[in-house]
Amino acid sequence: MIVFINTFLSGLVRFRRGSWETLATILIALGVIMLMQPFLLILYSYSFIVTLVGTVMFIIVSHFPE
Protein backbone atom coordinates (compact mmCIF):
# COMPACT_ATOMS: atom_id res chain seq x y z
CA MET A 1 0.00 0.00 0.00
CA ILE A 2 2.79 2.41 0.92
CA VAL A 3 4.62 1.60 -2.33
CA PHE A 4 1.49 2.42 -4.35
CA ILE A 5 1.05 5.75 -2.57
CA ASN A 6 4.71 6.67 -3.09
CA THR A 7 4.51 5.75 -6.78
CA PHE A 8 1.28 7.71 -7.19
CA LEU A 9 2.66 10.83 -5.49
CA SER A 10 5.94 10.72 -7.41
CA GLY A 11 3.94 10.41 -10.64
CA LEU A 12 1.99 13.54 -9.71
CA VAL A 13 5.13 15.50 -8.96
CA ARG A 14 6.86 14.39 -12.18
CA PHE A 15 3.74 14.98 -14.33
CA ARG A 16 3.35 11.38 -15.44
CA ARG A 17 0.18 10.39 -17.26
CA GLY A 18 -0.94 7.45 -15.13
CA SER A 19 -1.19 9.28 -11.81
CA TRP A 20 -2.88 12.34 -13.26
CA GLU A 21 -5.35 10.26 -15.27
CA THR A 22 -6.23 8.37 -12.09
CA LEU A 23 -6.88 11.66 -10.29
CA ALA A 24 -8.99 12.97 -13.19
CA THR A 25 -11.01 9.75 -13.29
CA ILE A 26 -11.65 10.00 -9.56
CA LEU A 27 -12.88 13.57 -10.03
CA ILE A 28 -15.24 12.51 -12.82
CA ALA A 29 -16.63 9.66 -10.70
CA LEU A 30 -16.97 11.96 -7.69
CA GLY A 31 -18.90 14.48 -9.80
CA VAL A 32 -21.31 11.79 -11.02
CA ILE A 33 -21.84 10.53 -7.48
CA MET A 34 -22.47 14.09 -6.33
CA LEU A 35 -25.01 14.48 -9.13
CA MET A 36 -26.96 11.35 -8.17
CA GLN A 37 -27.08 11.75 -4.39
CA PRO A 38 -30.41 13.06 -3.02
CA PHE A 39 -29.29 14.43 0.35
CA LEU A 40 -27.24 17.63 0.07
CA LEU A 41 -28.12 20.39 -2.37
CA ILE A 42 -24.62 21.90 -2.15
CA LEU A 43 -23.08 18.68 -3.52
CA TYR A 44 -25.61 18.64 -6.33
CA SER A 45 -24.86 22.29 -7.08
CA TYR A 46 -21.13 21.66 -7.55
CA SER A 47 -21.43 18.30 -9.30
CA PHE A 48 -21.32 19.72 -12.83
CA ILE A 49 -18.23 21.81 -12.07
CA VAL A 50 -16.40 18.83 -10.54
CA THR A 51 -17.30 16.62 -13.51
CA LEU A 52 -16.24 19.32 -15.96
CA VAL A 53 -12.91 19.90 -14.21
CA GLY A 54 -12.23 16.16 -14.22
CA THR A 55 -13.07 15.87 -17.91
CA VAL A 56 -10.92 18.82 -18.98
CA MET A 57 -8.13 17.59 -16.74
CA PHE A 58 -8.32 14.14 -18.36
CA ILE A 59 -8.08 15.68 -21.83
CA ILE A 60 -5.05 17.75 -20.84
CA VAL A 61 -3.14 15.02 -19.01
CA SER A 62 -3.68 12.54 -21.83
CA HIS A 63 -0.86 14.45 -23.56
CA PHE A 64 1.59 13.97 -20.67
CA PRO A 65 4.45 11.49 -21.09
CA GLU A 66 4.10 7.94 -19.79
C-alpha atoms as a PDB file:
ATOM      1  CA  MET A   1       0.000   0.000   0.000  1.00  0.00           C
ATOM      2  CA  ILE A   2       2.787   2.414   0.917  1.00  0.00           C
ATOM      3  CA  VAL A   3       4.617   1.598  -2.330  1.00  0.00           C
ATOM      4  CA  PHE A   4       1.488   2.416  -4.351  1.00  0.00           C
ATOM      5  CA  ILE A   5       1.047   5.747  -2.568  1.00  0.00           C
ATOM      6  CA  ASN A   6       4.708   6.667  -3.086  1.00  0.00           C
ATOM      7  CA  THR A   7       4.506   5.746  -6.777  1.00  0.00           C
ATOM      8  CA  PHE A   8       1.281   7.713  -7.189  1.00  0.00           C
ATOM      9  CA  LEU A   9       2.661  10.833  -5.495  1.00  0.00           C
ATOM     10  CA  SER A  10       5.942  10.720  -7.405  1.00  0.00           C
ATOM     11  CA  GLY A  11       3.944  10.412 -10.636  1.00  0.00           C
ATOM     12  CA  LEU A  12       1.990  13.536  -9.715  1.00  0.00           C
ATOM     13  CA  VAL A  13       5.129  15.500  -8.964  1.00  0.00           C
ATOM     14  CA  ARG A  14       6.855  14.394 -12.182  1.00  0.00           C
ATOM     15  CA  PHE A  15       3.740  14.983 -14.325  1.00  0.00           C
ATOM     16  CA  ARG A  16       3.345  11.375 -15.437  1.00  0.00           C
ATOM     17  CA  ARG A  17       0.184  10.392 -17.263  1.00  0.00           C
ATOM     18  CA  GLY A  18      -0.936   7.446 -15.132  1.00  0.00           C
ATOM     19  CA  SER A  19      -1.187   9.282 -11.815  1.00  0.00           C
ATOM     20  CA  TRP A  20      -2.877  12.344 -13.258  1.00  0.00           C
ATOM     21  CA  GLU A  21      -5.354  10.257 -15.267  1.00  0.00           C
ATOM     22  CA  THR A  22      -6.233   8.372 -12.092  1.00  0.00           C
ATOM     23  CA  LEU A  23      -6.882  11.656 -10.293  1.00  0.00           C
ATOM     24  CA  ALA A  24      -8.986  12.971 -13.192  1.00  0.00           C
ATOM     25  CA  THR A  25     -11.013   9.748 -13.287  1.00  0.00           C
ATOM     26  CA  ILE A  26     -11.650   9.998  -9.558  1.00  0.00           C
ATOM     27  CA  LEU A  27     -12.880  13.574 -10.033  1.00  0.00           C
ATOM     28  CA  ILE A  28     -15.235  12.511 -12.819  1.00  0.00           C
ATOM     29  CA  ALA A  29     -16.633   9.664 -10.702  1.00  0.00           C
ATOM     30  CA  LEU A  30     -16.973  11.961  -7.691  1.00  0.00           C
ATOM     31  CA  GLY A  31     -18.901  14.479  -9.804  1.00  0.00           C
ATOM     32  CA  VAL A  32     -21.306  11.787 -11.023  1.00  0.00           C
ATOM     33  CA  ILE A  33     -21.842  10.526  -7.476  1.00  0.00           C
ATOM     34  CA  MET A  34     -22.467  14.092  -6.327  1.00  0.00           C
ATOM     35  CA  LEU A  35     -25.014  14.480  -9.131  1.00  0.00           C
ATOM     36  CA  MET A  36     -26.958  11.350  -8.174  1.00  0.00           C
ATOM     37  CA  GLN A  37     -27.081  11.747  -4.386  1.00  0.00           C
ATOM     38  CA  PRO A  38     -30.411  13.058  -3.023  1.00  0.00           C
ATOM     39  CA  PHE A  39     -29.291  14.433   0.348  1.00  0.00           C
ATOM     40  CA  LEU A  40     -27.236  17.629   0.065  1.00  0.00           C
ATOM     41  CA  LEU A  41     -28.119  20.391  -2.367  1.00  0.00           C
ATOM     42  CA  ILE A  42     -24.617  21.900  -2.148  1.00  0.00           C
ATOM     43  CA  LEU A  43     -23.076  18.684  -3.515  1.00  0.00           C
ATOM     44  CA  TYR A  44     -25.615  18.637  -6.326  1.00  0.00           C
ATOM     45  CA  SER A  45     -24.856  22.287  -7.078  1.00  0.00           C
ATOM     46  CA  TYR A  46     -21.135  21.659  -7.552  1.00  0.00           C
ATOM     47  CA  SER A  47     -21.427  18.297  -9.301  1.00  0.00           C
ATOM     48  CA  PHE A  48     -21.319  19.717 -12.829  1.00  0.00           C
ATOM     49  CA  ILE A  49     -18.230  21.807 -12.066  1.00  0.00           C
ATOM     50  CA  VAL A  50     -16.399  18.834 -10.536  1.00  0.00           C
ATOM     51  CA  THR A  51     -17.296  16.620 -13.510  1.00  0.00           C
ATOM     52  CA  LEU A  52     -16.244  19.322 -15.963  1.00  0.00           C
ATOM     53  CA  VAL A  53     -12.907  19.897 -14.211  1.00  0.00           C
ATOM     54  CA  GLY A  54     -12.233  16.158 -14.218  1.00  0.00           C
ATOM     55  CA  THR A  55     -13.073  15.870 -17.911  1.00  0.00           C
ATOM     56  CA  VAL A  56     -10.923  18.819 -18.977  1.00  0.00           C
ATOM     57  CA  MET A  57      -8.134  17.594 -16.736  1.00  0.00           C
ATOM     58  CA  PHE A  58      -8.320  14.138 -18.358  1.00  0.00           C
ATOM     59  CA  ILE A  59      -8.084  15.678 -21.831  1.00  0.00           C
ATOM     60  CA  ILE A  60      -5.048  17.753 -20.844  1.00  0.00           C
ATOM     61  CA  VAL A  61      -3.143  15.021 -19.014  1.00  0.00           C
ATOM     62  CA  SER A  62      -3.679  12.539 -21.826  1.00  0.00           C
ATOM     63  CA  HIS A  63      -0.860  14.455 -23.555  1.00  0.00           C
ATOM     64  CA  PHE A  64       1.586  13.969 -20.666  1.00  0.00           C
ATOM     65  CA  PRO A  65       4.454  11.491 -21.095  1.00  0.00           C
ATOM     66  CA  GLU A  66       4.100   7.943 -19.786  1.00  0.00           C
END
